[in-house]
Amino acid sequence: MKIINEKGKLFGVINVVDLLVLVAAVAVAAGVGYKLFAPQIVEATAKQVEMSVTVRVRGATPFLVEEVERNSQIGKKIVSGNSFTNATITDMKIEDYVQQMPTADGEIRDAVDPSKKDLVFTIETTVPEGTASPSIGTQEVRAGRTFIVKTNDFETSGNIDMVDIAE
């Protein structure tokens, strides 16, 4: 039996050109799969450490404050897209909303808003040890960034005040 027969088929089964196209397609698919899934595999096998994030929603309206008082978010999982993450809201505080206001003589003073409040959420999760980009779901976590606090029945955005990653 010849390796390539008179019809140009390898071992009488497949055309050589078709085989090359098939090998190229498999190589491209493998490359795309590696690019998409390899970082997730590394994160899944890396040692996990605790991360605590404090998110402050500044100047929340009375309606929003009443809602979180009525429907406590403590103990609820953070949602990313349509899925739960491994992050949980472990604490929530309601604090006075302080803003700076000019006085009649031109000084700037701190003033407490009579109706608005700050909502301060503490979110805890685990991240791969030594990660350069800690994240919760698809949101990167760094102090100063905007973060969407989203559970199965609540959503608002605030700023990250503090990130503490255990060593």
N, C-alpha and C. Protein backbone atom coordinates (compact mmCIF):
# COMPACT_ATOMS: atom_id res chain seq x y z
N MET A 1 0.85 -1.18 0.00
CA MET A 1 0.00 0.00 0.00
C MET A 1 0.89 1.24 0.00
N LYS A 2 0.61 2.18 -0.87
CA LYS A 2 1.37 3.41 -0.97
C LYS A 2 0.90 4.40 0.10
N ILE A 3 1.83 5.31 0.50
CA ILE A 3 1.46 6.35 1.46
C ILE A 3 0.50 7.33 0.81
N ILE A 4 0.82 7.79 -0.39
CA ILE A 4 -0.08 8.67 -1.15
C ILE A 4 -0.42 7.93 -2.44
N ASN A 5 -1.73 7.66 -2.65
CA ASN A 5 -2.14 6.91 -3.85
C ASN A 5 -2.26 7.84 -5.06
N GLU A 6 -2.69 7.29 -6.20
CA GLU A 6 -2.77 8.06 -7.44
C GLU A 6 -3.83 9.16 -7.41
N LYS A 7 -4.77 9.10 -6.48
CA LYS A 7 -5.78 10.15 -6.34
C LYS A 7 -5.33 11.26 -5.38
N GLY A 8 -4.12 11.13 -4.84
CA GLY A 8 -3.60 12.15 -3.93
C GLY A 8 -4.08 12.00 -2.49
N LYS A 9 -4.57 10.83 -2.13
CA LYS A 9 -5.08 10.61 -0.78
C LYS A 9 -4.02 9.94 0.08
N LEU A 10 -3.90 10.41 1.29
CA LEU A 10 -2.95 9.86 2.25
C LEU A 10 -3.51 8.55 2.78
N PHE A 11 -2.77 7.46 2.61
CA PHE A 11 -3.20 6.11 3.00
C PHE A 11 -4.54 5.74 2.39
N GLY A 12 -4.91 6.37 1.28
CA GLY A 12 -6.15 6.09 0.60
C GLY A 12 -7.37 6.58 1.33
N VAL A 13 -7.19 7.45 2.37
CA VAL A 13 -8.31 7.88 3.20
C VAL A 13 -8.64 9.37 3.03
N ILE A 14 -7.63 10.24 3.14
CA ILE A 14 -7.88 11.68 3.16
C ILE A 14 -6.91 12.39 2.23
N ASN A 15 -7.39 13.42 1.58
CA ASN A 15 -6.57 14.24 0.70
C ASN A 15 -5.53 14.98 1.54
N VAL A 16 -4.32 15.11 1.05
CA VAL A 16 -3.23 15.76 1.78
C VAL A 16 -3.57 17.21 2.11
N VAL A 17 -4.13 17.92 1.15
CA VAL A 17 -4.49 19.33 1.38
C VAL A 17 -5.57 19.43 2.46
N ASP A 18 -6.55 18.54 2.42
CA ASP A 18 -7.59 18.53 3.44
C ASP A 18 -7.00 18.26 4.82
N LEU A 19 -6.03 17.37 4.89
CA LEU A 19 -5.38 17.05 6.15
C LEU A 19 -4.65 18.28 6.71
N LEU A 20 -3.95 19.00 5.84
CA LEU A 20 -3.23 20.20 6.29
C LEU A 20 -4.20 21.27 6.80
N VAL A 21 -5.33 21.45 6.12
CA VAL A 21 -6.35 22.40 6.58
C VAL A 21 -6.91 21.96 7.92
N LEU A 22 -7.16 20.69 8.09
CA LEU A 22 -7.69 20.16 9.35
C LEU A 22 -6.69 20.37 10.49
N VAL A 23 -5.42 20.10 10.26
CA VAL A 23 -4.38 20.30 11.29
C VAL A 23 -4.28 21.78 11.66
N ALA A 24 -4.34 22.67 10.67
CA ALA A 24 -4.28 24.11 10.94
C ALA A 24 -5.48 24.56 11.78
N ALA A 25 -6.67 24.06 11.45
CA ALA A 25 -7.88 24.42 12.20
C ALA A 25 -7.80 23.94 13.64
N VAL A 26 -7.31 22.74 13.87
CA VAL A 26 -7.16 22.21 15.22
C VAL A 26 -6.13 23.05 16.00
N ALA A 27 -5.04 23.45 15.34
CA ALA A 27 -4.01 24.26 16.00
C ALA A 27 -4.57 25.62 16.41
N VAL A 28 -5.35 26.25 15.55
CA VAL A 28 -5.96 27.55 15.88
C VAL A 28 -6.93 27.39 17.04
N ALA A 29 -7.77 26.36 17.00
CA ALA A 29 -8.73 26.12 18.09
C ALA A 29 -8.01 25.87 19.41
N ALA A 30 -6.92 25.11 19.38
CA ALA A 30 -6.15 24.85 20.60
C ALA A 30 -5.53 26.13 21.12
N GLY A 31 -5.02 26.97 20.24
CA GLY A 31 -4.43 28.24 20.66
C GLY A 31 -5.45 29.17 21.30
N VAL A 32 -6.62 29.26 20.69
CA VAL A 32 -7.69 30.10 21.25
C VAL A 32 -8.14 29.54 22.60
N GLY A 33 -8.31 28.24 22.69
CA GLY A 33 -8.71 27.62 23.96
C GLY A 33 -7.69 27.85 25.05
N TYR A 34 -6.43 27.75 24.73
CA TYR A 34 -5.37 28.00 25.72
C TYR A 34 -5.42 29.45 26.18
N LYS A 35 -5.55 30.37 25.24
CA LYS A 35 -5.56 31.80 25.58
C LYS A 35 -6.75 32.14 26.48
N LEU A 36 -7.89 31.52 26.23
CA LEU A 36 -9.09 31.81 27.02
C LEU A 36 -9.08 31.15 28.39
N PHE A 37 -8.61 29.91 28.47
CA PHE A 37 -8.79 29.14 29.69
C PHE A 37 -7.55 28.94 30.54
N ALA A 38 -6.36 29.13 30.02
CA ALA A 38 -5.14 28.88 30.78
C ALA A 38 -5.02 29.75 32.02
N PRO A 39 -5.30 31.08 31.96
CA PRO A 39 -5.19 31.88 33.19
C PRO A 39 -6.15 31.42 34.28
N GLN A 40 -7.36 31.00 33.89
CA GLN A 40 -8.32 30.53 34.87
C GLN A 40 -7.85 29.24 35.52
N ILE A 41 -7.20 28.38 34.76
CA ILE A 41 -6.69 27.13 35.31
C ILE A 41 -5.60 27.43 36.33
N VAL A 42 -4.72 28.37 36.03
CA VAL A 42 -3.65 28.75 36.96
C VAL A 42 -4.24 29.32 38.23
N GLU A 43 -5.25 30.20 38.11
CA GLU A 43 -5.88 30.78 39.29
C GLU A 43 -6.57 29.71 40.13
N ALA A 44 -7.17 28.73 39.49
CA ALA A 44 -7.88 27.67 40.21
C ALA A 44 -6.92 26.78 40.99
N THR A 45 -5.70 26.62 40.50
CA THR A 45 -4.75 25.74 41.18
C THR A 45 -3.84 26.49 42.15
N ALA A 46 -3.83 27.84 42.11
CA ALA A 46 -2.97 28.62 43.00
C ALA A 46 -3.53 28.61 44.42
N LYS A 47 -2.63 28.81 45.38
CA LYS A 47 -3.05 28.90 46.78
C LYS A 47 -3.94 30.14 46.94
N GLN A 48 -5.05 29.97 47.63
CA GLN A 48 -6.01 31.06 47.83
C GLN A 48 -5.76 31.75 49.17
N VAL A 49 -5.86 33.09 49.19
CA VAL A 49 -5.72 33.87 50.42
C VAL A 49 -6.95 34.75 50.59
N GLU A 50 -7.21 35.15 51.80
CA GLU A 50 -8.38 35.97 52.12
C GLU A 50 -8.19 37.41 51.63
N MET A 51 -9.27 38.00 51.11
CA MET A 51 -9.27 39.40 50.73
C MET A 51 -10.51 40.06 51.30
N SER A 52 -10.32 41.23 51.90
CA SER A 52 -11.43 42.00 52.44
C SER A 52 -11.46 43.35 51.72
N VAL A 53 -12.65 43.74 51.28
CA VAL A 53 -12.82 44.98 50.52
C VAL A 53 -13.89 45.82 51.20
N THR A 54 -13.61 47.12 51.36
CA THR A 54 -14.59 48.05 51.90
C THR A 54 -15.06 48.97 50.78
N VAL A 55 -16.38 48.95 50.51
CA VAL A 55 -16.97 49.76 49.45
C VAL A 55 -17.90 50.78 50.10
N ARG A 56 -17.71 52.05 49.75
CA ARG A 56 -18.53 53.13 50.32
C ARG A 56 -19.42 53.72 49.22
N VAL A 57 -20.72 53.72 49.48
CA VAL A 57 -21.69 54.37 48.60
C VAL A 57 -21.95 55.73 49.24
N ARG A 58 -21.40 56.78 48.63
CA ARG A 58 -21.49 58.12 49.21
C ARG A 58 -22.81 58.80 48.85
N GLY A 59 -23.42 59.38 49.87
CA GLY A 59 -24.64 60.16 49.66
C GLY A 59 -25.82 59.36 49.15
N ALA A 60 -26.04 58.19 49.74
CA ALA A 60 -27.18 57.36 49.32
C ALA A 60 -28.48 58.06 49.70
N THR A 61 -29.45 57.97 48.80
CA THR A 61 -30.75 58.61 49.03
C THR A 61 -31.49 57.92 50.16
N PRO A 62 -32.44 58.63 50.80
CA PRO A 62 -33.21 58.01 51.88
C PRO A 62 -33.91 56.72 51.44
N PHE A 63 -34.39 56.67 50.19
CA PHE A 63 -35.05 55.47 49.69
C PHE A 63 -34.10 54.27 49.73
N LEU A 64 -32.86 54.46 49.27
CA LEU A 64 -31.89 53.36 49.24
C LEU A 64 -31.51 52.93 50.66
N VAL A 65 -31.36 53.91 51.55
CA VAL A 65 -31.04 53.60 52.95
C VAL A 65 -32.17 52.78 53.58
N GLU A 66 -33.42 53.19 53.34
CA GLU A 66 -34.56 52.44 53.87
C GLU A 66 -34.59 51.01 53.32
N GLU A 67 -34.23 50.85 52.05
CA GLU A 67 -34.24 49.53 51.43
C GLU A 67 -33.22 48.59 52.07
N VAL A 68 -32.00 49.07 52.33
CA VAL A 68 -31.00 48.19 52.94
C VAL A 68 -31.29 47.95 54.42
N GLU A 69 -32.01 48.87 55.06
CA GLU A 69 -32.44 48.61 56.43
C GLU A 69 -33.53 47.55 56.46
N ARG A 70 -34.44 47.63 55.50
CA ARG A 70 -35.54 46.67 55.41
C ARG A 70 -35.05 45.29 54.94
N ASN A 71 -34.16 45.29 53.97
CA ASN A 71 -33.69 44.05 53.33
C ASN A 71 -32.18 43.97 53.50
N SER A 72 -31.74 43.49 54.63
CA SER A 72 -30.31 43.45 54.93
C SER A 72 -29.54 42.64 53.88
N GLN A 73 -28.41 43.17 53.48
CA GLN A 73 -27.58 42.50 52.48
C GLN A 73 -26.47 41.65 53.12
N ILE A 74 -26.36 41.70 54.43
CA ILE A 74 -25.33 40.94 55.12
C ILE A 74 -25.57 39.44 54.92
N GLY A 75 -24.50 38.74 54.52
CA GLY A 75 -24.57 37.31 54.29
C GLY A 75 -24.90 36.92 52.86
N LYS A 76 -25.18 37.91 52.02
CA LYS A 76 -25.54 37.61 50.63
C LYS A 76 -24.30 37.58 49.75
N LYS A 77 -24.36 36.73 48.71
CA LYS A 77 -23.26 36.58 47.76
C LYS A 77 -23.31 37.70 46.73
N ILE A 78 -22.12 38.14 46.30
CA ILE A 78 -22.01 39.11 45.22
C ILE A 78 -22.29 38.39 43.90
N VAL A 79 -23.03 39.05 43.01
CA VAL A 79 -23.37 38.50 41.71
C VAL A 79 -22.52 39.20 40.65
N SER A 80 -22.03 38.41 39.71
CA SER A 80 -21.30 38.94 38.56
C SER A 80 -21.98 38.44 37.31
N GLY A 81 -22.52 39.36 36.53
CA GLY A 81 -23.29 38.95 35.35
C GLY A 81 -24.55 38.23 35.79
N ASN A 82 -24.60 36.94 35.54
CA ASN A 82 -25.75 36.13 35.89
C ASN A 82 -25.39 35.02 36.88
N SER A 83 -24.21 35.12 37.51
CA SER A 83 -23.73 34.05 38.38
C SER A 83 -23.29 34.60 39.73
N PHE A 84 -23.41 33.75 40.74
CA PHE A 84 -22.89 34.10 42.05
C PHE A 84 -21.37 33.95 42.05
N THR A 85 -20.69 34.80 42.81
CA THR A 85 -19.25 34.68 42.99
C THR A 85 -19.00 34.06 44.36
N ASN A 86 -17.73 33.90 44.71
CA ASN A 86 -17.43 33.38 46.05
C ASN A 86 -17.29 34.51 47.07
N ALA A 87 -17.66 35.74 46.71
CA ALA A 87 -17.57 36.89 47.60
C ALA A 87 -18.89 37.08 48.35
N THR A 88 -18.78 37.42 49.64
CA THR A 88 -19.95 37.59 50.49
C THR A 88 -19.88 38.92 51.21
N ILE A 89 -21.02 39.59 51.33
CA ILE A 89 -21.10 40.81 52.14
C ILE A 89 -21.15 40.37 53.60
N THR A 90 -20.13 40.75 54.37
CA THR A 90 -20.06 40.32 55.76
C THR A 90 -20.48 41.40 56.76
N ASP A 91 -20.51 42.65 56.31
CA ASP A 91 -20.90 43.73 57.22
C ASP A 91 -21.43 44.90 56.40
N MET A 92 -22.31 45.68 57.00
CA MET A 92 -22.81 46.89 56.36
C MET A 92 -23.10 47.92 57.44
N LYS A 93 -22.61 49.12 57.22
CA LYS A 93 -22.84 50.21 58.17
C LYS A 93 -23.50 51.36 57.45
N ILE A 94 -24.30 52.12 58.20
CA ILE A 94 -24.89 53.35 57.69
C ILE A 94 -24.27 54.49 58.48
N GLU A 95 -23.58 55.38 57.77
CA GLU A 95 -22.87 56.49 58.41
C GLU A 95 -23.38 57.81 57.87
N ASP A 96 -23.11 58.88 58.62
CA ASP A 96 -23.49 60.22 58.16
C ASP A 96 -22.75 60.56 56.88
N TYR A 97 -23.45 61.25 55.98
CA TYR A 97 -22.84 61.73 54.75
C TYR A 97 -22.32 63.13 55.02
N VAL A 98 -20.99 63.26 55.00
CA VAL A 98 -20.35 64.54 55.29
C VAL A 98 -19.83 65.12 53.99
N GLN A 99 -20.18 66.37 53.75
CA GLN A 99 -19.67 67.05 52.57
C GLN A 99 -19.12 68.42 52.98
N GLN A 100 -18.25 68.94 52.18
CA GLN A 100 -17.66 70.24 52.50
C GLN A 100 -18.51 71.35 51.89
N MET A 101 -18.78 72.35 52.71
CA MET A 101 -19.62 73.47 52.29
C MET A 101 -18.92 74.79 52.63
N PRO A 102 -19.02 75.77 51.74
CA PRO A 102 -18.45 77.09 52.06
C PRO A 102 -19.37 77.85 53.02
N THR A 103 -18.76 78.56 53.94
CA THR A 103 -19.53 79.39 54.86
C THR A 103 -19.64 80.80 54.27
N ALA A 104 -20.41 81.66 54.94
CA ALA A 104 -20.62 83.03 54.46
C ALA A 104 -19.31 83.82 54.43
N ASP A 105 -18.38 83.48 55.34
CA ASP A 105 -17.11 84.21 55.36
C ASP A 105 -16.03 83.55 54.49
N GLY A 106 -16.41 82.58 53.67
CA GLY A 106 -15.48 81.98 52.70
C GLY A 106 -14.72 80.77 53.19
N GLU A 107 -14.92 80.34 54.42
CA GLU A 107 -14.24 79.14 54.92
C GLU A 107 -14.96 77.89 54.41
N ILE A 108 -14.20 76.81 54.33
CA ILE A 108 -14.78 75.52 53.95
C ILE A 108 -14.91 74.69 55.22
N ARG A 109 -16.13 74.22 55.48
CA ARG A 109 -16.40 73.42 56.68
C ARG A 109 -17.10 72.13 56.30
N ASP A 110 -16.88 71.11 57.12
CA ASP A 110 -17.61 69.85 56.94
C ASP A 110 -19.02 70.02 57.46
N ALA A 111 -19.99 69.54 56.68
CA ALA A 111 -21.38 69.61 57.08
C ALA A 111 -22.03 68.24 56.87
N VAL A 112 -22.85 67.84 57.82
CA VAL A 112 -23.57 66.57 57.74
C VAL A 112 -24.88 66.81 57.00
N ASP A 113 -25.10 66.04 55.94
CA ASP A 113 -26.34 66.14 55.18
C ASP A 113 -27.46 65.57 56.03
N PRO A 114 -28.59 66.29 56.14
CA PRO A 114 -29.68 65.82 57.01
C PRO A 114 -30.43 64.59 56.49
N SER A 115 -30.39 64.33 55.19
CA SER A 115 -31.18 63.21 54.68
C SER A 115 -30.36 62.10 54.03
N LYS A 116 -29.23 62.43 53.42
CA LYS A 116 -28.42 61.41 52.77
C LYS A 116 -27.49 60.73 53.77
N LYS A 117 -27.14 59.49 53.46
CA LYS A 117 -26.22 58.71 54.30
C LYS A 117 -25.19 58.02 53.43
N ASP A 118 -24.10 57.58 54.04
CA ASP A 118 -23.11 56.72 53.39
C ASP A 118 -23.42 55.28 53.76
N LEU A 119 -23.41 54.39 52.78
CA LEU A 119 -23.53 52.96 53.04
C LEU A 119 -22.14 52.37 52.89
N VAL A 120 -21.68 51.66 53.89
CA VAL A 120 -20.33 51.08 53.87
C VAL A 120 -20.46 49.56 53.95
N PHE A 121 -20.08 48.89 52.85
CA PHE A 121 -20.16 47.44 52.76
C PHE A 121 -18.77 46.84 52.95
N THR A 122 -18.69 45.75 53.71
CA THR A 122 -17.47 44.96 53.80
C THR A 122 -17.74 43.66 53.06
N ILE A 123 -16.89 43.38 52.07
CA ILE A 123 -17.05 42.18 51.24
C ILE A 123 -15.81 41.32 51.42
N GLU A 124 -16.01 40.03 51.67
CA GLU A 124 -14.89 39.12 51.86
C GLU A 124 -14.93 38.00 50.83
N THR A 125 -13.74 37.62 50.37
CA THR A 125 -13.60 36.57 49.37
C THR A 125 -12.19 36.00 49.44
N THR A 126 -11.86 35.12 48.53
CA THR A 126 -10.49 34.62 48.41
C THR A 126 -9.99 34.91 47.01
N VAL A 127 -8.68 35.14 46.90
CA VAL A 127 -8.03 35.39 45.61
C VAL A 127 -6.75 34.58 45.55
N PRO A 128 -6.23 34.32 44.35
CA PRO A 128 -4.96 33.60 44.25
C PRO A 128 -3.83 34.39 44.91
N GLU A 129 -2.99 33.70 45.65
CA GLU A 129 -1.88 34.37 46.33
C GLU A 129 -0.95 35.03 45.30
N GLY A 130 -0.57 36.27 45.57
CA GLY A 130 0.37 36.98 44.71
C GLY A 130 -0.23 37.48 43.41
N THR A 131 -1.56 37.50 43.30
CA THR A 131 -2.17 37.97 42.06
C THR A 131 -1.90 39.45 41.82
N ALA A 132 -1.66 39.80 40.57
CA ALA A 132 -1.41 41.20 40.21
C ALA A 132 -2.71 41.96 40.03
N SER A 133 -3.79 41.26 39.74
CA SER A 133 -5.08 41.89 39.50
C SER A 133 -6.17 41.19 40.30
N PRO A 134 -6.27 41.50 41.60
CA PRO A 134 -7.33 40.86 42.38
C PRO A 134 -8.69 41.29 41.83
N SER A 135 -9.63 40.36 41.83
CA SER A 135 -10.95 40.68 41.29
C SER A 135 -12.03 39.90 42.00
N ILE A 136 -13.24 40.43 41.87
CA ILE A 136 -14.45 39.75 42.32
C ILE A 136 -15.31 39.64 41.07
N GLY A 137 -15.51 38.42 40.61
CA GLY A 137 -16.21 38.24 39.34
C GLY A 137 -15.39 38.87 38.23
N THR A 138 -15.99 39.77 37.48
CA THR A 138 -15.28 40.44 36.39
C THR A 138 -14.78 41.82 36.78
N GLN A 139 -14.98 42.22 38.04
CA GLN A 139 -14.58 43.54 38.49
C GLN A 139 -13.22 43.49 39.19
N GLU A 140 -12.26 44.26 38.68
CA GLU A 140 -10.98 44.37 39.37
C GLU A 140 -11.18 45.16 40.66
N VAL A 141 -10.38 44.80 41.67
CA VAL A 141 -10.53 45.39 42.99
C VAL A 141 -9.25 46.15 43.33
N ARG A 142 -9.38 47.48 43.41
CA ARG A 142 -8.28 48.34 43.83
C ARG A 142 -8.88 49.55 44.54
N ALA A 143 -8.22 50.03 45.56
CA ALA A 143 -8.70 51.21 46.28
C ALA A 143 -8.83 52.37 45.31
N GLY A 144 -9.95 53.09 45.40
CA GLY A 144 -10.21 54.23 44.53
C GLY A 144 -11.09 53.90 43.33
N ARG A 145 -11.19 52.63 42.98
CA ARG A 145 -12.01 52.24 41.81
C ARG A 145 -13.49 52.22 42.16
N THR A 146 -14.31 52.36 41.15
CA THR A 146 -15.75 52.18 41.31
C THR A 146 -16.04 50.68 41.34
N PHE A 147 -16.96 50.28 42.21
CA PHE A 147 -17.32 48.87 42.33
C PHE A 147 -18.84 48.77 42.42
N ILE A 148 -19.41 47.85 41.68
CA ILE A 148 -20.86 47.63 41.71
C ILE A 148 -21.16 46.56 42.75
N VAL A 149 -21.88 46.95 43.79
CA VAL A 149 -22.31 46.00 44.82
C VAL A 149 -23.64 45.43 44.33
N LYS A 150 -23.60 44.17 43.89
CA LYS A 150 -24.76 43.55 43.28
C LYS A 150 -25.01 42.19 43.90
N THR A 151 -26.22 42.03 44.47
CA THR A 151 -26.64 40.73 44.97
C THR A 151 -27.84 40.30 44.13
N ASN A 152 -28.50 39.23 44.55
CA ASN A 152 -29.64 38.76 43.76
C ASN A 152 -30.85 39.69 43.83
N ASP A 153 -30.87 40.65 44.79
CA ASP A 153 -32.02 41.54 44.90
C ASP A 153 -31.65 43.00 45.19
N PHE A 154 -30.40 43.37 44.93
CA PHE A 154 -29.94 44.73 45.24
C PHE A 154 -28.76 45.07 44.34
N GLU A 155 -28.69 46.33 43.91
CA GLU A 155 -27.55 46.76 43.11
C GLU A 155 -27.35 48.26 43.26
N THR A 156 -26.12 48.65 43.54
CA THR A 156 -25.73 50.05 43.57
C THR A 156 -24.23 50.12 43.37
N SER A 157 -23.73 51.29 43.07
CA SER A 157 -22.28 51.40 42.87
C SER A 157 -21.70 52.37 43.89
N GLY A 158 -20.45 52.07 44.25
CA GLY A 158 -19.73 52.91 45.21
C GLY A 158 -18.26 52.90 44.87
N ASN A 159 -17.46 53.47 45.74
CA ASN A 159 -16.01 53.50 45.56
C ASN A 159 -15.35 52.59 46.58
N ILE A 160 -14.29 51.93 46.14
CA ILE A 160 -13.55 51.06 47.06
C ILE A 160 -12.67 51.94 47.94
N ASP A 161 -12.88 51.88 49.25
CA ASP A 161 -12.09 52.64 50.21
C ASP A 161 -10.82 51.89 50.60
N MET A 162 -10.92 50.56 50.74
CA MET A 162 -9.79 49.78 51.26
C MET A 162 -9.82 48.37 50.73
N VAL A 163 -8.64 47.85 50.45
CA VAL A 163 -8.46 46.45 50.04
C VAL A 163 -7.41 45.86 50.95
N ASP A 164 -7.72 44.75 51.59
CA ASP A 164 -6.77 44.08 52.47
C ASP A 164 -6.64 42.63 52.02
N ILE A 165 -5.45 42.28 51.50
CA ILE A 165 -5.20 40.92 51.05
C ILE A 165 -4.22 40.27 52.04
N ALA A 166 -4.61 39.13 52.60
CA ALA A 166 -3.77 38.43 53.57
C ALA A 166 -2.52 37.92 52.88
N GLU A 167 -1.46 37.80 53.64
CA GLU A 167 -0.20 37.30 53.07
C GLU A 167 0.11 35.92 53.54
